[in-house]
Amino acid sequence: MNFYGIFSAGSDPKRAYAKIHQEFYKTYPGHILPKEDLRWIFMNAGGWMGSMCIIHASPTEYVLFFGAAIDTTGHSGESVNIQIVCTSINREYFQPLIIARR
C-alpha cells in the first residue's frame, strides 16, 4: 500500500492515522480491527517511549501506529529473519543497519 502523496509533511497525525486505518480496513477486510475496537496504550520497549495502537496482529506479522510527543530513541531488537517497514507521518524515523553475526 502506497501512502506517498496522501499526507504532506506536518500533517495532523490523528487525521493521518484515521485515513490510513480506513484504507487498510477497506483493503484487508477481516484482518484489520474495526475503528471502535482500536485502543492506544502506553509502551516503553527497547528504549522507545510513546503510545501504540495495534490494528492487525497474527503469529507472523503485525501492523501498528506509534506516536510520541517528543523525540524518542530505541531499538526493535536484532533479527535477520524479519522485515521492518516504517512510514513517518510528520517526523523522522531512523533504523540502523544491522549486520548479521555468525
C-alpha atoms as a PDB file:
ATOM      1  CA  MET A   1       0.000   0.000   0.000  1.00  0.00           C
ATOM      2  CA  ASN A   2       1.462   3.346  -1.005  1.00  0.00           C
ATOM      3  CA  PHE A   3       0.595   6.404   1.066  1.00  0.00           C
ATOM      4  CA  TYR A   4       3.082   8.808  -0.516  1.00  0.00           C
ATOM      5  CA  GLY A   5       1.291  11.949  -1.580  1.00  0.00           C
ATOM      6  CA  ILE A   6      -1.721  11.418   0.714  1.00  0.00           C
ATOM      7  CA  PHE A   7      -0.190  13.399   3.545  1.00  0.00           C
ATOM      8  CA  SER A   8       2.137  16.353   3.374  1.00  0.00           C
ATOM      9  CA  ALA A   9       4.894  16.955   5.896  1.00  0.00           C
ATOM     10  CA  GLY A  10       3.392  18.256   9.103  1.00  0.00           C
ATOM     11  CA  SER A  11       0.026  16.523   8.627  1.00  0.00           C
ATOM     12  CA  ASP A  12      -2.235  16.216  11.630  1.00  0.00           C
ATOM     13  CA  PRO A  13      -1.338  12.747  12.999  1.00  0.00           C
ATOM     14  CA  LYS A  14      -4.897  11.968  14.181  1.00  0.00           C
ATOM     15  CA  ARG A  15      -6.318  12.601  10.712  1.00  0.00           C
ATOM     16  CA  ALA A  16      -3.445  10.707   9.104  1.00  0.00           C
ATOM     17  CA  TYR A  17      -3.907   7.665  11.366  1.00  0.00           C
ATOM     18  CA  ALA A  18      -7.669   7.679  10.713  1.00  0.00           C
ATOM     19  CA  LYS A  19      -7.208   7.831   6.933  1.00  0.00           C
ATOM     20  CA  ILE A  20      -4.527   5.121   6.899  1.00  0.00           C
ATOM     21  CA  HIS A  21      -6.657   2.883   9.124  1.00  0.00           C
ATOM     22  CA  GLN A  22      -9.640   3.404   6.814  1.00  0.00           C
ATOM     23  CA  GLU A  23      -7.554   2.427   3.761  1.00  0.00           C
ATOM     24  CA  PHE A  24      -6.168  -0.686   5.462  1.00  0.00           C
ATOM     25  CA  TYR A  25      -9.671  -1.636   6.660  1.00  0.00           C
ATOM     26  CA  LYS A  26     -11.046  -1.432   3.094  1.00  0.00           C
ATOM     27  CA  THR A  27      -8.042  -3.165   1.519  1.00  0.00           C
ATOM     28  CA  TYR A  28      -7.735  -6.053   4.016  1.00  0.00           C
ATOM     29  CA  PRO A  29     -11.280  -6.841   5.211  1.00  0.00           C
ATOM     30  CA  GLY A  30     -11.402  -9.230   8.146  1.00  0.00           C
ATOM     31  CA  HIS A  31      -7.757  -8.611   9.088  1.00  0.00           C
ATOM     32  CA  ILE A  32      -7.877  -5.054  10.464  1.00  0.00           C
ATOM     33  CA  LEU A  33      -9.555  -4.162  13.745  1.00  0.00           C
ATOM     34  CA  PRO A  34     -12.665  -2.001  13.338  1.00  0.00           C
ATOM     35  CA  LYS A  35     -12.436   1.617  14.438  1.00  0.00           C
ATOM     36  CA  GLU A  36     -14.473   1.054  17.606  1.00  0.00           C
ATOM     37  CA  ASP A  37     -12.000  -1.603  18.848  1.00  0.00           C
ATOM     38  CA  LEU A  38      -8.834   0.490  18.473  1.00  0.00           C
ATOM     39  CA  ARG A  39      -7.006   1.310  21.723  1.00  0.00           C
ATOM     40  CA  TRP A  40      -3.926   3.455  22.278  1.00  0.00           C
ATOM     41  CA  ILE A  41      -1.694   2.092  25.031  1.00  0.00           C
ATOM     42  CA  PHE A  42       1.472   3.474  26.588  1.00  0.00           C
ATOM     43  CA  MET A  43       4.640   1.493  25.906  1.00  0.00           C
ATOM     44  CA  ASN A  44       8.288   1.566  26.809  1.00  0.00           C
ATOM     45  CA  ALA A  45      10.156  -1.129  24.916  1.00  0.00           C
ATOM     46  CA  GLY A  46      13.713  -1.224  23.646  1.00  0.00           C
ATOM     47  CA  GLY A  47      14.144   2.340  24.854  1.00  0.00           C
ATOM     48  CA  TRP A  48      11.247   3.641  22.730  1.00  0.00           C
ATOM     49  CA  MET A  49       8.695   5.520  24.800  1.00  0.00           C
ATOM     50  CA  GLY A  50       5.309   6.548  23.475  1.00  0.00           C
ATOM     51  CA  SER A  51       1.896   5.158  22.615  1.00  0.00           C
ATOM     52  CA  MET A  52       0.944   2.452  20.177  1.00  0.00           C
ATOM     53  CA  CYS A  53      -2.245   1.258  18.556  1.00  0.00           C
ATOM     54  CA  ILE A  54      -2.266  -2.236  17.061  1.00  0.00           C
ATOM     55  CA  ILE A  55      -4.540  -2.522  14.028  1.00  0.00           C
ATOM     56  CA  HIS A  56      -3.528  -6.059  12.971  1.00  0.00           C
ATOM     57  CA  ALA A  57      -1.701  -8.906  14.685  1.00  0.00           C
ATOM     58  CA  SER A  58      -1.080 -12.520  13.756  1.00  0.00           C
ATOM     59  CA  PRO A  59       1.583 -15.093  14.684  1.00  0.00           C
ATOM     60  CA  THR A  60       3.785 -13.900  11.812  1.00  0.00           C
ATOM     61  CA  GLU A  61       3.163 -10.153  11.460  1.00  0.00           C
ATOM     62  CA  TYR A  62       1.702  -7.030  12.995  1.00  0.00           C
ATOM     63  CA  VAL A  63       0.741  -3.539  11.911  1.00  0.00           C
ATOM     64  CA  LEU A  64       0.651  -0.734  14.439  1.00  0.00           C
ATOM     65  CA  PHE A  65       0.666   3.019  14.785  1.00  0.00           C
ATOM     66  CA  PHE A  66       3.256   4.535  17.112  1.00  0.00           C
ATOM     67  CA  GLY A  67       3.252   8.063  18.430  1.00  0.00           C
ATOM     68  CA  ALA A  68       5.431  10.081  20.785  1.00  0.00           C
ATOM     69  CA  ALA A  69       5.001  13.654  21.986  1.00  0.00           C
ATOM     70  CA  ILE A  70       8.773  14.187  21.951  1.00  0.00           C
ATOM     71  CA  ASP A  71      11.673  12.587  20.123  1.00  0.00           C
ATOM     72  CA  THR A  72      12.428   9.072  21.342  1.00  0.00           C
ATOM     73  CA  THR A  73      15.114   6.561  20.522  1.00  0.00           C
ATOM     74  CA  GLY A  74      15.437   2.848  20.919  1.00  0.00           C
ATOM     75  CA  HIS A  75      15.798  -0.406  19.096  1.00  0.00           C
ATOM     76  CA  SER A  76      13.478  -3.129  17.891  1.00  0.00           C
ATOM     77  CA  GLY A  77      15.934  -5.934  18.533  1.00  0.00           C
ATOM     78  CA  GLU A  78      18.267  -7.819  16.246  1.00  0.00           C
ATOM     79  CA  SER A  79      16.909 -10.401  13.876  1.00  0.00           C
ATOM     80  CA  VAL A  80      17.869 -11.293  10.345  1.00  0.00           C
ATOM     81  CA  ASN A  81      14.540 -13.063   9.855  1.00  0.00           C
ATOM     82  CA  ILE A  82      12.268 -10.043   9.986  1.00  0.00           C
ATOM     83  CA  GLN A  83      11.459  -7.139   7.722  1.00  0.00           C
ATOM     84  CA  ILE A  84      10.686  -3.808   9.352  1.00  0.00           C
ATOM     85  CA  VAL A  85       8.790  -1.232   7.309  1.00  0.00           C
ATOM     86  CA  CYS A  86       8.121   2.174   8.838  1.00  0.00           C
ATOM     87  CA  THR A  87       6.336   5.191   7.442  1.00  0.00           C
ATOM     88  CA  SER A  88       6.688   8.504   9.218  1.00  0.00           C
ATOM     89  CA  ILE A  89       3.681  10.835   9.295  1.00  0.00           C
ATOM     90  CA  ASN A  90       5.281  14.065  10.487  1.00  0.00           C
ATOM     91  CA  ARG A  91       8.688  13.270  11.975  1.00  0.00           C
ATOM     92  CA  GLU A  92      11.731  11.250  11.040  1.00  0.00           C
ATOM     93  CA  TYR A  93      12.431   7.569  11.571  1.00  0.00           C
ATOM     94  CA  PHE A  94      15.943   6.196  11.611  1.00  0.00           C
ATOM     95  CA  GLN A  95      16.651   2.486  11.558  1.00  0.00           C
ATOM     96  CA  PRO A  96      20.256   1.379  12.000  1.00  0.00           C
ATOM     97  CA  LEU A  97      21.694  -1.121   9.572  1.00  0.00           C
ATOM     98  CA  ILE A  98      22.006  -4.475  11.328  1.00  0.00           C
ATOM     99  CA  ILE A  99      24.747  -6.757  10.102  1.00  0.00           C
ATOM    100  CA  ALA A 100      24.211 -10.441  10.825  1.00  0.00           C
ATOM    101  CA  ARG A 101      26.824 -12.013  13.049  1.00  0.00           C
ATOM    102  CA  ARG A 102      27.624 -15.695  12.666  1.00  0.00           C
END
